[in-house]
Amino acid sequence: MNTQHPRDPLHGIKLTKILDDLLAHYGWDELGRMIPVRCFTMNPSVSSSLKFLRRTPWARERVEALYLRLITSNDVETKMVWSPKDT
């Protein structure tokens, strides 16, 4: 059974996971440079960032777009690394 929604690649992915994955990859400093909002640059925390992103659609859209770029680039890298070798 396919759990992804055909028109929404983020369907079923919680905002908490998105933020955790971005933090693991970029960290607060880089995330604050890429998306300059105070919840990423001044005393950042996951809980305050989640509250802000849930209440601010434009910021959430930027975070989701960055996450899509991250998972898309990771999928391409994984396919390149794990592709079978020609013999």
C-alpha atoms as a PDB file:
ATOM      1  CA  MET A   1       0.000   0.000   0.000  1.00  0.00           C
ATOM      2  CA  ASN A   2       1.374   3.389  -0.997  1.00  0.00           C
ATOM      3  CA  THR A   3       1.248   5.769   1.977  1.00  0.00           C
ATOM      4  CA  GLN A   4       2.242   8.897   0.052  1.00  0.00           C
ATOM      5  CA  HIS A   5      -0.388  11.260  -1.225  1.00  0.00           C
ATOM      6  CA  PRO A   6       0.035  11.652  -5.012  1.00  0.00           C
ATOM      7  CA  ARG A   7      -0.002  15.464  -4.980  1.00  0.00           C
ATOM      8  CA  ASP A   8       1.690  16.174  -1.652  1.00  0.00           C
ATOM      9  CA  PRO A   9       5.121  14.647  -1.063  1.00  0.00           C
ATOM     10  CA  LEU A  10       4.998  15.808   2.571  1.00  0.00           C
ATOM     11  CA  HIS A  11       1.741  14.005   3.310  1.00  0.00           C
ATOM     12  CA  GLY A  12       2.093  12.067   6.557  1.00  0.00           C
ATOM     13  CA  ILE A  13       5.383  13.700   7.587  1.00  0.00           C
ATOM     14  CA  LYS A  14       5.067  15.631  10.822  1.00  0.00           C
ATOM     15  CA  LEU A  15       6.544  19.082  11.216  1.00  0.00           C
ATOM     16  CA  THR A  16       8.594  17.777  14.150  1.00  0.00           C
ATOM     17  CA  LYS A  17      10.340  15.256  11.908  1.00  0.00           C
ATOM     18  CA  ILE A  18      10.950  17.879   9.236  1.00  0.00           C
ATOM     19  CA  LEU A  19      12.560  20.236  11.747  1.00  0.00           C
ATOM     20  CA  ASP A  20      14.581  17.450  13.403  1.00  0.00           C
ATOM     21  CA  ASP A  21      15.940  16.267  10.045  1.00  0.00           C
ATOM     22  CA  LEU A  22      16.858  19.802   8.988  1.00  0.00           C
ATOM     23  CA  LEU A  23      18.603  20.405  12.309  1.00  0.00           C
ATOM     24  CA  ALA A  24      20.519  17.158  12.032  1.00  0.00           C
ATOM     25  CA  HIS A  25      21.696  18.110   8.555  1.00  0.00           C
ATOM     26  CA  TYR A  26      22.256  21.882   8.855  1.00  0.00           C
ATOM     27  CA  GLY A  27      22.231  22.842  12.552  1.00  0.00           C
ATOM     28  CA  TRP A  28      20.724  26.012  14.003  1.00  0.00           C
ATOM     29  CA  ASP A  29      23.340  28.409  12.624  1.00  0.00           C
ATOM     30  CA  GLU A  30      23.039  27.310   9.007  1.00  0.00           C
ATOM     31  CA  LEU A  31      19.263  26.954   9.253  1.00  0.00           C
ATOM     32  CA  GLY A  32      19.093  30.536  10.584  1.00  0.00           C
ATOM     33  CA  ARG A  33      21.170  31.765   7.649  1.00  0.00           C
ATOM     34  CA  MET A  34      19.051  29.918   5.105  1.00  0.00           C
ATOM     35  CA  ILE A  35      15.726  30.950   6.651  1.00  0.00           C
ATOM     36  CA  PRO A  36      16.348  34.114   8.677  1.00  0.00           C
ATOM     37  CA  VAL A  37      13.683  34.013  11.378  1.00  0.00           C
ATOM     38  CA  ARG A  38      14.280  34.775  15.044  1.00  0.00           C
ATOM     39  CA  CYS A  39      13.200  31.359  16.268  1.00  0.00           C
ATOM     40  CA  PHE A  40      16.229  29.930  14.408  1.00  0.00           C
ATOM     41  CA  THR A  41      18.722  32.677  15.258  1.00  0.00           C
ATOM     42  CA  MET A  42      18.021  33.891  18.818  1.00  0.00           C
ATOM     43  CA  ASN A  43      17.984  31.260  21.573  1.00  0.00           C
ATOM     44  CA  PRO A  44      16.631  28.592  19.231  1.00  0.00           C
ATOM     45  CA  SER A  45      14.683  25.625  20.511  1.00  0.00           C
ATOM     46  CA  VAL A  46      12.601  23.002  18.812  1.00  0.00           C
ATOM     47  CA  SER A  47       9.463  23.832  20.793  1.00  0.00           C
ATOM     48  CA  SER A  48       9.562  27.588  20.081  1.00  0.00           C
ATOM     49  CA  SER A  49      10.334  26.934  16.418  1.00  0.00           C
ATOM     50  CA  LEU A  50       7.428  24.506  16.092  1.00  0.00           C
ATOM     51  CA  LYS A  51       5.034  27.020  17.669  1.00  0.00           C
ATOM     52  CA  PHE A  52       6.224  29.744  15.292  1.00  0.00           C
ATOM     53  CA  LEU A  53       6.081  27.535  12.194  1.00  0.00           C
ATOM     54  CA  ARG A  54       2.570  26.321  13.008  1.00  0.00           C
ATOM     55  CA  ARG A  55       1.342  29.920  13.297  1.00  0.00           C
ATOM     56  CA  THR A  56       3.282  31.415  10.378  1.00  0.00           C
ATOM     57  CA  PRO A  57       2.397  29.903   6.988  1.00  0.00           C
ATOM     58  CA  TRP A  58       5.113  31.687   4.968  1.00  0.00           C
ATOM     59  CA  ALA A  59       7.866  30.436   7.287  1.00  0.00           C
ATOM     60  CA  ARG A  60       6.479  26.913   7.288  1.00  0.00           C
ATOM     61  CA  GLU A  61       6.401  26.938   3.483  1.00  0.00           C
ATOM     62  CA  ARG A  62      10.089  27.867   3.397  1.00  0.00           C
ATOM     63  CA  VAL A  63      10.991  25.130   5.874  1.00  0.00           C
ATOM     64  CA  GLU A  64       8.991  22.554   3.913  1.00  0.00           C
ATOM     65  CA  ALA A  65      10.602  23.653   0.635  1.00  0.00           C
ATOM     66  CA  LEU A  66      14.070  23.321   2.173  1.00  0.00           C
ATOM     67  CA  TYR A  67      13.158  19.861   3.475  1.00  0.00           C
ATOM     68  CA  LEU A  68      11.951  18.793   0.032  1.00  0.00           C
ATOM     69  CA  ARG A  69      15.261  19.911  -1.475  1.00  0.00           C
ATOM     70  CA  LEU A  70      17.111  17.981   1.227  1.00  0.00           C
ATOM     71  CA  ILE A  71      15.248  14.710   0.752  1.00  0.00           C
ATOM     72  CA  THR A  72      15.341  15.032  -3.034  1.00  0.00           C
ATOM     73  CA  SER A  73      19.102  15.540  -3.041  1.00  0.00           C
ATOM     74  CA  ASN A  74      19.552  12.687  -0.553  1.00  0.00           C
ATOM     75  CA  ASP A  75      17.476  10.371  -2.761  1.00  0.00           C
ATOM     76  CA  VAL A  76      19.652  11.177  -5.763  1.00  0.00           C
ATOM     77  CA  GLU A  77      22.863  10.660  -3.765  1.00  0.00           C
ATOM     78  CA  THR A  78      21.586   7.370  -2.353  1.00  0.00           C
ATOM     79  CA  LYS A  79      20.653   6.087  -5.796  1.00  0.00           C
ATOM     80  CA  MET A  80      24.054   7.055  -7.112  1.00  0.00           C
ATOM     81  CA  VAL A  81      25.871   5.330  -4.242  1.00  0.00           C
ATOM     82  CA  TRP A  82      23.757   2.165  -4.214  1.00  0.00           C
ATOM     83  CA  SER A  83      23.334   1.664  -7.928  1.00  0.00           C
ATOM     84  CA  PRO A  84      24.542  -1.779  -9.038  1.00  0.00           C
ATOM     85  CA  LYS A  85      27.960  -1.896 -10.621  1.00  0.00           C
ATOM     86  CA  ASP A  86      28.334  -3.022 -14.196  1.00  0.00           C
ATOM     87  CA  THR A  87      30.249  -6.280 -14.482  1.00  0.00           C
END
